[in-house]
């Protein structure tokens, strides 16, 4: 990426790798935590606050669900000197380190299930048993007695994870597409199309051309959380902002905003810790 530079923040003998990315659309400095490939010591931390800086306006710090290791992605206005960006990041090194330790503890406490064999699968907010059966015939995925039974050509862990990832993507397109038809009547006059992808930082988005993009990971969340994200993006077809009018539009169409946001804040990062989410 043109203009990209790296910077290392040091705190208490630990290092945090930063990528400095000038962006003309940015009015403020923004930090995002994204998956990376640094050395084991190069862990970055989670950021989730907005501070007002006396000289540079607002400094936005975001936590982005991801599995360690991390790198800190820093975007900033090109008019801001690199040394000033680094100074702002250094000022938050202690806070970054504290959040990192908390995130590492949460990661270690969230027990990952082992594949192949019997496992657990999070589907629409419910924990279901996952059974993998090696079968040389056609590969299938089917629900049997509340369990997801996969019949695959290989029971190797990586192979199973890739299949689950593909299955979730296909299933998300079916479930989300059907649900939008059910709740999207108020926006029926607005042309739009649906796309399922795997974004690192968003649950959903709406483009100016009317493309609604959603993360396939929504299929692991409860239905009321998924509905909130769908209504949120549908509302952007009328209001491409987050004004009071926008939030009223979301609330008027039955989205349980507070409850859904609380679930995402509490559980969202755990979804990325599933082995098939990488």
C-alpha atoms as a PDB file:
ATOM      1  CA  UNK A   1       0.000   0.000   0.000  1.00  0.00           C
ATOM      2  CA  UNK A   2       1.413   3.349  -1.062  1.00  0.00           C
ATOM      3  CA  UNK A   3       2.649   5.498   1.806  1.00  0.00           C
ATOM      4  CA  UNK A   4       2.473   2.683   4.360  1.00  0.00           C
ATOM      5  CA  UNK A   5       5.136   2.781   7.068  1.00  0.00           C
ATOM      6  CA  UNK A   6       5.725   0.737  10.174  1.00  0.00           C
ATOM      7  CA  UNK A   7       6.327   1.836  13.738  1.00  0.00           C
ATOM      8  CA  UNK A   8       6.983  -0.149  16.914  1.00  0.00           C
ATOM      9  CA  UNK A   9       5.589   0.946  20.279  1.00  0.00           C
ATOM     10  CA  UNK A  10       7.529  -0.333  23.287  1.00  0.00           C
ATOM     11  CA  UNK A  11       6.131  -0.679  26.785  1.00  0.00           C
ATOM     12  CA  UNK A  12       7.495  -2.730  29.697  1.00  0.00           C
ATOM     13  CA  UNK A  13       9.782  -4.794  27.447  1.00  0.00           C
ATOM     14  CA  UNK A  14       6.918  -5.629  25.087  1.00  0.00           C
ATOM     15  CA  UNK A  15       6.564  -4.455  21.497  1.00  0.00           C
ATOM     16  CA  UNK A  16       3.436  -3.500  19.569  1.00  0.00           C
ATOM     17  CA  UNK A  17       3.717  -3.282  15.793  1.00  0.00           C
ATOM     18  CA  UNK A  18       1.912  -0.401  14.081  1.00  0.00           C
ATOM     19  CA  UNK A  19       1.213   0.249  10.412  1.00  0.00           C
ATOM     20  CA  UNK A  20       0.942   3.959   9.642  1.00  0.00           C
ATOM     21  CA  UNK A  21      -1.473   4.607   6.782  1.00  0.00           C
ATOM     22  CA  UNK A  22      -2.169   8.162   5.564  1.00  0.00           C
ATOM     23  CA  UNK A  23      -5.749   8.500   4.380  1.00  0.00           C
ATOM     24  CA  UNK A  24      -7.175  11.629   2.780  1.00  0.00           C
ATOM     25  CA  UNK A  25     -10.670  10.806   4.021  1.00  0.00           C
ATOM     26  CA  UNK A  26      -9.550  10.837   7.661  1.00  0.00           C
ATOM     27  CA  UNK A  27     -10.050  13.993   9.673  1.00  0.00           C
ATOM     28  CA  UNK A  28      -8.681  12.403  12.843  1.00  0.00           C
ATOM     29  CA  UNK A  29      -6.215   9.717  13.865  1.00  0.00           C
ATOM     30  CA  UNK A  30      -7.823   6.260  13.953  1.00  0.00           C
ATOM     31  CA  UNK A  31      -6.419   3.039  15.388  1.00  0.00           C
ATOM     32  CA  UNK A  32      -7.708  -0.406  14.445  1.00  0.00           C
ATOM     33  CA  UNK A  33      -6.512  -3.809  15.585  1.00  0.00           C
ATOM     34  CA  UNK A  34      -6.211  -6.319  12.751  1.00  0.00           C
ATOM     35  CA  UNK A  35      -4.781  -9.838  12.418  1.00  0.00           C
ATOM     36  CA  UNK A  36      -1.128  -9.824  11.467  1.00  0.00           C
ATOM     37  CA  UNK A  37       1.961 -11.970  11.275  1.00  0.00           C
ATOM     38  CA  UNK A  38       4.409 -10.341  13.689  1.00  0.00           C
ATOM     39  CA  UNK A  39       6.653 -12.221  16.080  1.00  0.00           C
ATOM     40  CA  UNK A  40       5.081 -13.652  19.254  1.00  0.00           C
ATOM     41  CA  UNK A  41       6.250 -10.594  21.190  1.00  0.00           C
ATOM     42  CA  UNK A  42       4.538  -8.228  18.776  1.00  0.00           C
ATOM     43  CA  UNK A  43       1.050  -8.390  20.250  1.00  0.00           C
ATOM     44  CA  UNK A  44      -1.170  -5.384  19.849  1.00  0.00           C
ATOM     45  CA  UNK A  45      -4.039  -4.506  22.092  1.00  0.00           C
ATOM     46  CA  UNK A  46      -7.663  -3.659  21.893  1.00  0.00           C
ATOM     47  CA  UNK A  47      -8.815  -0.075  21.675  1.00  0.00           C
ATOM     48  CA  UNK A  48     -12.365   0.998  22.323  1.00  0.00           C
ATOM     49  CA  UNK A  49     -12.676   4.651  23.236  1.00  0.00           C
ATOM     50  CA  UNK A  50     -12.756   8.169  21.795  1.00  0.00           C
ATOM     51  CA  UNK A  51     -10.630  10.884  23.330  1.00  0.00           C
ATOM     52  CA  UNK A  52     -10.427  14.594  22.578  1.00  0.00           C
ATOM     53  CA  UNK A  53      -6.872  15.784  22.045  1.00  0.00           C
ATOM     54  CA  UNK A  54      -6.179  19.446  22.758  1.00  0.00           C
ATOM     55  CA  UNK A  55      -4.166  19.969  19.571  1.00  0.00           C
ATOM     56  CA  UNK A  56      -5.341  17.312  17.104  1.00  0.00           C
ATOM     57  CA  UNK A  57      -9.062  17.027  17.753  1.00  0.00           C
ATOM     58  CA  UNK A  58     -10.498  13.579  18.359  1.00  0.00           C
ATOM     59  CA  UNK A  59      -8.324  10.484  18.638  1.00  0.00           C
ATOM     60  CA  UNK A  60     -10.484   7.449  17.802  1.00  0.00           C
ATOM     61  CA  UNK A  61      -9.478   4.081  19.240  1.00  0.00           C
ATOM     62  CA  UNK A  62     -11.425   1.044  18.080  1.00  0.00           C
ATOM     63  CA  UNK A  63     -11.399  -2.569  19.185  1.00  0.00           C
ATOM     64  CA  UNK A  64     -11.790  -4.944  16.255  1.00  0.00           C
ATOM     65  CA  UNK A  65     -12.540  -8.643  16.863  1.00  0.00           C
ATOM     66  CA  UNK A  66      -9.519 -10.700  15.867  1.00  0.00           C
ATOM     67  CA  UNK A  67      -7.402 -13.562  17.114  1.00  0.00           C
ATOM     68  CA  UNK A  68      -3.851 -12.901  18.254  1.00  0.00           C
ATOM     69  CA  UNK A  69      -1.272 -12.015  17.008  1.00  0.00           C
ATOM     70  CA  UNK A  70      -2.302  -8.477  16.122  1.00  0.00           C
ATOM     71  CA  UNK A  71      -0.915  -5.383  14.533  1.00  0.00           C
ATOM     72  CA  UNK A  72      -2.134  -1.841  15.140  1.00  0.00           C
ATOM     73  CA  UNK A  73      -3.388  -0.173  11.969  1.00  0.00           C
ATOM     74  CA  UNK A  74      -3.128   3.595  12.293  1.00  0.00           C
ATOM     75  CA  UNK A  75      -4.809   5.824   9.713  1.00  0.00           C
ATOM     76  CA  UNK A  76      -4.361   9.566   9.852  1.00  0.00           C
ATOM     77  CA  UNK A  77      -4.712  12.736   7.751  1.00  0.00           C
ATOM     78  CA  UNK A  78      -1.749  13.147   5.350  1.00  0.00           C
ATOM     79  CA  UNK A  79      -1.312  16.701   6.634  1.00  0.00           C
ATOM     80  CA  UNK A  80      -0.302  15.371  10.051  1.00  0.00           C
ATOM     81  CA  UNK A  81       3.425  14.743  10.434  1.00  0.00           C
ATOM     82  CA  UNK A  82       4.555  11.180  11.072  1.00  0.00           C
ATOM     83  CA  UNK A  83       6.378  12.129  14.268  1.00  0.00           C
ATOM     84  CA  UNK A  84       3.168  13.560  15.691  1.00  0.00           C
ATOM     85  CA  UNK A  85       1.229  10.399  14.825  1.00  0.00           C
ATOM     86  CA  UNK A  86       3.881   8.293  16.555  1.00  0.00           C
ATOM     87  CA  UNK A  87       3.773  10.563  19.583  1.00  0.00           C
ATOM     88  CA  UNK A  88       0.011  10.168  19.864  1.00  0.00           C
ATOM     89  CA  UNK A  89       0.361   6.383  19.667  1.00  0.00           C
ATOM     90  CA  UNK A  90       3.153   6.425  22.267  1.00  0.00           C
ATOM     91  CA  UNK A  91       0.955   8.390  24.646  1.00  0.00           C
ATOM     92  CA  UNK A  92      -1.480   5.459  24.673  1.00  0.00           C
ATOM     93  CA  UNK A  93       1.132   2.700  24.991  1.00  0.00           C
ATOM     94  CA  UNK A  94       0.261   1.917  28.623  1.00  0.00           C
ATOM     95  CA  UNK A  95      -3.432   1.696  27.858  1.00  0.00           C
ATOM     96  CA  UNK A  96      -2.738  -0.447  24.793  1.00  0.00           C
ATOM     97  CA  UNK A  97      -0.644  -2.829  26.907  1.00  0.00           C
ATOM     98  CA  UNK A  98      -3.387  -3.165  29.536  1.00  0.00           C
ATOM     99  CA  UNK A  99      -5.981  -3.959  26.911  1.00  0.00           C
ATOM    100  CA  UNK A 100      -3.630  -6.451  25.319  1.00  0.00           C
ATOM    101  CA  UNK A 101      -3.240  -8.393  28.526  1.00  0.00           C
ATOM    102  CA  UNK A 102      -6.997  -8.451  29.022  1.00  0.00           C
ATOM    103  CA  UNK A 103      -7.529  -9.682  25.479  1.00  0.00           C
ATOM    104  CA  UNK A 104      -4.923 -12.418  25.848  1.00  0.00           C
ATOM    105  CA  UNK A 105      -6.612 -13.618  29.045  1.00  0.00           C
ATOM    106  CA  UNK A 106      -9.996 -13.671  27.353  1.00  0.00           C
ATOM    107  CA  UNK A 107      -8.529 -15.580  24.434  1.00  0.00           C
ATOM    108  CA  UNK A 108      -6.956 -18.212  26.672  1.00  0.00           C
ATOM    109  CA  UNK A 109     -10.102 -18.566  28.778  1.00  0.00           C
ATOM    110  CA  UNK A 110     -12.273 -19.195  25.721  1.00  0.00           C
ATOM    111  CA  UNK A 111     -11.662 -22.899  25.185  1.00  0.00           C
ATOM    112  CA  UNK A 112     -11.430 -23.798  21.530  1.00  0.00           C
ATOM    113  CA  UNK A 113     -13.089 -27.028  20.559  1.00  0.00           C
ATOM    114  CA  UNK A 114     -10.987 -29.677  18.849  1.00  0.00           C
ATOM    115  CA  UNK A 115     -11.720 -31.103  15.430  1.00  0.00           C
ATOM    116  CA  UNK A 116     -12.265 -33.666  13.986  1.00  0.00           C
ATOM    117  CA  UNK A 117     -14.833 -35.700  15.916  1.00  0.00           C
ATOM    118  CA  UNK A 118     -17.547 -34.449  18.194  1.00  0.00           C
ATOM    119  CA  UNK A 119     -17.538 -30.707  18.596  1.00  0.00           C
ATOM    120  CA  UNK A 120     -19.752 -27.719  19.230  1.00  0.00           C
ATOM    121  CA  UNK A 121     -21.083 -25.325  16.647  1.00  0.00           C
ATOM    122  CA  UNK A 122     -22.638 -21.930  17.340  1.00  0.00           C
ATOM    123  CA  UNK A 123     -25.613 -21.474  15.020  1.00  0.00           C
ATOM    124  CA  UNK A 124     -28.094 -18.600  15.342  1.00  0.00           C
ATOM    125  CA  UNK A 125     -27.187 -18.105  18.984  1.00  0.00           C
ATOM    126  CA  UNK A 126     -27.519 -21.746  20.003  1.00  0.00           C
ATOM    127  CA  UNK A 127     -24.737 -24.196  20.778  1.00  0.00           C
ATOM    128  CA  UNK A 128     -25.199 -27.363  18.716  1.00  0.00           C
ATOM    129  CA  UNK A 129     -23.244 -30.587  18.593  1.00  0.00           C
ATOM    130  CA  UNK A 130     -21.054 -31.065  15.564  1.00  0.00           C
ATOM    131  CA  UNK A 131     -20.260 -34.557  14.315  1.00  0.00           C
ATOM    132  CA  UNK A 132     -17.759 -35.184  11.520  1.00  0.00           C
ATOM    133  CA  UNK A 133     -17.947 -38.472   9.615  1.00  0.00           C
ATOM    134  CA  UNK A 134     -15.396 -39.437   6.992  1.00  0.00           C
ATOM    135  CA  UNK A 135     -17.180 -40.440   3.800  1.00  0.00           C
ATOM    136  CA  UNK A 136     -15.659 -40.946   0.354  1.00  0.00           C
ATOM    137  CA  UNK A 137     -18.964 -40.285  -1.369  1.00  0.00           C
ATOM    138  CA  UNK A 138     -20.658 -36.923  -1.832  1.00  0.00           C
ATOM    139  CA  UNK A 139     -19.990 -34.357   0.878  1.00  0.00           C
ATOM    140  CA  UNK A 140     -23.089 -33.298   2.806  1.00  0.00           C
ATOM    141  CA  UNK A 141     -24.137 -31.227   5.793  1.00  0.00           C
ATOM    142  CA  UNK A 142     -27.415 -32.066   7.502  1.00  0.00           C
ATOM    143  CA  UNK A 143     -29.230 -31.502  10.781  1.00  0.00           C
ATOM    144  CA  UNK A 144     -30.036 -34.691  12.672  1.00  0.00           C
ATOM    145  CA  UNK A 145     -31.656 -34.630  16.126  1.00  0.00           C
ATOM    146  CA  UNK A 146     -30.345 -31.134  16.796  1.00  0.00           C
ATOM    147  CA  UNK A 147     -26.815 -32.030  15.691  1.00  0.00           C
ATOM    148  CA  UNK A 148     -24.945 -30.847  12.623  1.00  0.00           C
ATOM    149  CA  UNK A 149     -23.590 -33.939  10.878  1.00  0.00           C
ATOM    150  CA  UNK A 150     -20.878 -33.396   8.279  1.00  0.00           C
ATOM    151  CA  UNK A 151     -19.977 -36.194   5.899  1.00  0.00           C
ATOM    152  CA  UNK A 152     -16.690 -35.192   4.310  1.00  0.00           C
ATOM    153  CA  UNK A 153     -13.953 -36.712   2.202  1.00  0.00           C
ATOM    154  CA  UNK A 154     -11.414 -35.908   4.911  1.00  0.00           C
ATOM    155  CA  UNK A 155     -11.627 -35.505   8.654  1.00  0.00           C
ATOM    156  CA  UNK A 156      -8.422 -33.466   8.894  1.00  0.00           C
ATOM    157  CA  UNK A 157      -8.906 -30.403  11.045  1.00  0.00           C
ATOM    158  CA  UNK A 158      -7.974 -27.796   8.423  1.00  0.00           C
ATOM    159  CA  UNK A 159     -10.159 -29.467   5.804  1.00  0.00           C
ATOM    160  CA  UNK A 160     -13.145 -29.509   8.166  1.00  0.00           C
ATOM    161  CA  UNK A 161     -12.619 -25.871   9.148  1.00  0.00           C
ATOM    162  CA  UNK A 162     -12.567 -24.770   5.502  1.00  0.00           C
ATOM    163  CA  UNK A 163     -15.754 -26.701   4.787  1.00  0.00           C
ATOM    164  CA  UNK A 164     -17.562 -25.169   7.773  1.00  0.00           C
ATOM    165  CA  UNK A 165     -16.462 -21.725   6.616  1.00  0.00           C
ATOM    166  CA  UNK A 166     -17.902 -22.349   3.116  1.00  0.00           C
ATOM    167  CA  UNK A 167     -21.083 -23.844   4.542  1.00  0.00           C
ATOM    168  CA  UNK A 168     -21.679 -20.831   6.792  1.00  0.00           C
ATOM    169  CA  UNK A 169     -21.192 -18.484   3.844  1.00  0.00           C
ATOM    170  CA  UNK A 170     -23.778 -20.307   1.716  1.00  0.00           C
ATOM    171  CA  UNK A 171     -26.192 -20.656   4.618  1.00  0.00           C
ATOM    172  CA  UNK A 172     -25.829 -16.969   5.512  1.00  0.00           C
ATOM    173  CA  UNK A 173     -26.834 -15.946   1.995  1.00  0.00           C
ATOM    174  CA  UNK A 174     -29.947 -18.121   2.223  1.00  0.00           C
ATOM    175  CA  UNK A 175     -30.994 -17.114   5.760  1.00  0.00           C
ATOM    176  CA  UNK A 176     -30.162 -13.418   5.466  1.00  0.00           C
ATOM    177  CA  UNK A 177     -31.734 -13.141   2.032  1.00  0.00           C
ATOM    178  CA  UNK A 178     -34.978 -14.681   3.291  1.00  0.00           C
ATOM    179  CA  UNK A 179     -34.993 -12.555   6.435  1.00  0.00           C
ATOM    180  CA  UNK A 180     -34.501  -9.329   4.491  1.00  0.00           C
ATOM    181  CA  UNK A 181     -37.514 -10.204   2.355  1.00  0.00           C
ATOM    182  CA  UNK A 182     -39.549 -10.579   5.565  1.00  0.00           C
ATOM    183  CA  UNK A 183     -38.456  -7.356   7.274  1.00  0.00           C
ATOM    184  CA  UNK A 184     -37.511  -5.229   4.279  1.00  0.00           C
ATOM    185  CA  UNK A 185     -41.000  -4.130   3.184  1.00  0.00           C
ATOM    186  CA  UNK A 186     -40.530  -0.461   4.211  1.00  0.00           C
ATOM    187  CA  UNK A 187     -37.553  -0.265   1.892  1.00  0.00           C
ATOM    188  CA  UNK A 188     -39.149  -2.194  -0.977  1.00  0.00           C
ATOM    189  CA  UNK A 189     -38.993   0.866  -3.252  1.00  0.00           C
ATOM    190  CA  UNK A 190     -35.229   1.095  -2.893  1.00  0.00           C
ATOM    191  CA  UNK A 191     -33.224  -1.134  -5.249  1.00  0.00           C
ATOM    192  CA  UNK A 192     -30.482  -3.065  -3.497  1.00  0.00           C
ATOM    193  CA  UNK A 193     -28.497  -6.267  -3.732  1.00  0.00           C
ATOM    194  CA  UNK A 194     -27.079  -8.521  -1.024  1.00  0.00           C
ATOM    195  CA  UNK A 195     -23.508  -9.716  -0.668  1.00  0.00           C
ATOM    196  CA  UNK A 196     -22.034 -12.066   1.934  1.00  0.00           C
ATOM    197  CA  UNK A 197     -18.358 -11.640   2.716  1.00  0.00           C
ATOM    198  CA  UNK A 198     -15.812 -11.902   5.520  1.00  0.00           C
ATOM    199  CA  UNK A 199     -14.924  -8.367   6.640  1.00  0.00           C
ATOM    200  CA  UNK A 200     -12.451  -7.939   9.461  1.00  0.00           C
ATOM    201  CA  UNK A 201     -13.974  -4.862  11.057  1.00  0.00           C
ATOM    202  CA  UNK A 202     -17.711  -4.740  10.285  1.00  0.00           C
ATOM    203  CA  UNK A 203     -20.838  -6.830  10.688  1.00  0.00           C
ATOM    204  CA  UNK A 204     -22.505  -5.120   7.764  1.00  0.00           C
ATOM    205  CA  UNK A 205     -22.299  -2.147   5.417  1.00  0.00           C
ATOM    206  CA  UNK A 206     -24.356  -0.291   2.833  1.00  0.00           C
ATOM    207  CA  UNK A 207     -22.775   1.310  -0.220  1.00  0.00           C
ATOM    208  CA  UNK A 208     -24.004   4.411  -1.995  1.00  0.00           C
ATOM    209  CA  UNK A 209     -25.073   2.158  -4.882  1.00  0.00           C
ATOM    210  CA  UNK A 210     -27.364   0.128  -2.641  1.00  0.00           C
ATOM    211  CA  UNK A 211     -25.182  -2.935  -2.055  1.00  0.00           C
ATOM    212  CA  UNK A 212     -25.847  -4.461   1.358  1.00  0.00           C
ATOM    213  CA  UNK A 213     -22.862  -6.456   2.573  1.00  0.00           C
ATOM    214  CA  UNK A 214     -23.005  -8.717   5.614  1.00  0.00           C
ATOM    215  CA  UNK A 215     -20.539 -10.874   7.484  1.00  0.00           C
ATOM    216  CA  UNK A 216     -21.321 -14.582   7.350  1.00  0.00           C
ATOM    217  CA  UNK A 217     -20.486 -14.677  11.073  1.00  0.00           C
ATOM    218  CA  UNK A 218     -23.892 -13.123  11.758  1.00  0.00           C
ATOM    219  CA  UNK A 219     -25.260 -16.628  11.377  1.00  0.00           C
ATOM    220  CA  UNK A 220     -23.615 -17.549  14.668  1.00  0.00           C
ATOM    221  CA  UNK A 221     -25.392 -14.719  16.510  1.00  0.00           C
ATOM    222  CA  UNK A 222     -28.966 -14.869  17.862  1.00  0.00           C
ATOM    223  CA  UNK A 223     -31.725 -13.870  15.471  1.00  0.00           C
ATOM    224  CA  UNK A 224     -32.430 -10.567  17.229  1.00  0.00           C
ATOM    225  CA  UNK A 225     -28.777  -9.555  16.754  1.00  0.00           C
ATOM    226  CA  UNK A 226     -28.872 -10.484  13.083  1.00  0.00           C
ATOM    227  CA  UNK A 227     -32.153  -8.602  12.656  1.00  0.00           C
ATOM    228  CA  UNK A 228     -30.629  -5.484  14.205  1.00  0.00           C
ATOM    229  CA  UNK A 229     -27.722  -5.504  11.742  1.00  0.00           C
ATOM    230  CA  UNK A 230     -30.081  -6.097   8.808  1.00  0.00           C
ATOM    231  CA  UNK A 231     -32.419  -3.258   9.834  1.00  0.00           C
ATOM    232  CA  UNK A 232     -29.402  -1.030  10.489  1.00  0.00           C
ATOM    233  CA  UNK A 233     -28.086  -1.464   6.954  1.00  0.00           C
ATOM    234  CA  UNK A 234     -31.535  -1.301   5.355  1.00  0.00           C
ATOM    235  CA  UNK A 235     -32.103   2.015   7.104  1.00  0.00           C
ATOM    236  CA  UNK A 236     -28.970   3.333   5.419  1.00  0.00           C
ATOM    237  CA  UNK A 237     -30.822   3.059   2.112  1.00  0.00           C
ATOM    238  CA  UNK A 238     -32.764   6.105   3.296  1.00  0.00           C
ATOM    239  CA  UNK A 239     -30.300   7.721   5.679  1.00  0.00           C
ATOM    240  CA  UNK A 240     -26.592   7.376   4.842  1.00  0.00           C
ATOM    241  CA  UNK A 241     -25.573   8.622   8.278  1.00  0.00           C
ATOM    242  CA  UNK A 242     -26.105   7.934  11.966  1.00  0.00           C
ATOM    243  CA  UNK A 243     -28.297  10.918  12.752  1.00  0.00           C
ATOM    244  CA  UNK A 244     -31.205  10.952  15.183  1.00  0.00           C
ATOM    245  CA  UNK A 245     -33.508  10.424  12.207  1.00  0.00           C
ATOM    246  CA  UNK A 246     -31.558   7.296  11.263  1.00  0.00           C
ATOM    247  CA  UNK A 247     -31.777   5.772  14.760  1.00  0.00           C
ATOM    248  CA  UNK A 248     -35.485   6.546  14.932  1.00  0.00           C
ATOM    249  CA  UNK A 249     -35.918   4.710  11.646  1.00  0.00           C
ATOM    250  CA  UNK A 250     -34.087   1.689  13.093  1.00  0.00           C
ATOM    251  CA  UNK A 251     -36.127   1.710  16.316  1.00  0.00           C
ATOM    252  CA  UNK A 252     -39.411   2.161  14.480  1.00  0.00           C
ATOM    253  CA  UNK A 253     -38.849  -1.108  12.659  1.00  0.00           C
ATOM    254  CA  UNK A 254     -38.485  -3.266  15.731  1.00  0.00           C
ATOM    255  CA  UNK A 255     -34.710  -3.506  16.104  1.00  0.00           C
ATOM    256  CA  UNK A 256     -33.675  -4.243  19.684  1.00  0.00           C
ATOM    257  CA  UNK A 257     -30.697  -1.915  19.518  1.00  0.00           C
ATOM    258  CA  UNK A 258     -29.484  -1.962  23.140  1.00  0.00           C
ATOM    259  CA  UNK A 259     -29.839  -5.700  23.571  1.00  0.00           C
ATOM    260  CA  UNK A 260     -28.149  -6.473  20.245  1.00  0.00           C
ATOM    261  CA  UNK A 261     -25.264  -4.083  20.890  1.00  0.00           C
ATOM    262  CA  UNK A 262     -24.720  -5.599  24.326  1.00  0.00           C
ATOM    263  CA  UNK A 263     -24.568  -9.108  22.853  1.00  0.00           C
ATOM    264  CA  UNK A 264     -22.078  -8.033  20.177  1.00  0.00           C
ATOM    265  CA  UNK A 265     -19.912  -6.242  22.730  1.00  0.00           C
ATOM    266  CA  UNK A 266     -19.911  -9.252  25.046  1.00  0.00           C
ATOM    267  CA  UNK A 267     -19.672 -12.090  22.529  1.00  0.00           C
ATOM    268  CA  UNK A 268     -18.567 -10.636  19.199  1.00  0.00           C
ATOM    269  CA  UNK A 269     -14.863 -11.254  19.707  1.00  0.00           C
ATOM    270  CA  UNK A 270     -15.478 -14.880  20.645  1.00  0.00           C
ATOM    271  CA  UNK A 271     -16.835 -15.597  17.177  1.00  0.00           C
ATOM    272  CA  UNK A 272     -13.443 -14.884  15.643  1.00  0.00           C
ATOM    273  CA  UNK A 273     -11.844 -17.376  18.019  1.00  0.00           C
ATOM    274  CA  UNK A 274     -13.625 -20.279  16.371  1.00  0.00           C
ATOM    275  CA  UNK A 275     -11.090 -22.159  14.211  1.00  0.00           C
ATOM    276  CA  UNK A 276     -13.214 -21.910  11.061  1.00  0.00           C
ATOM    277  CA  UNK A 277     -13.322 -18.093  11.311  1.00  0.00           C
ATOM    278  CA  UNK A 278      -9.693 -17.553  10.367  1.00  0.00           C
END
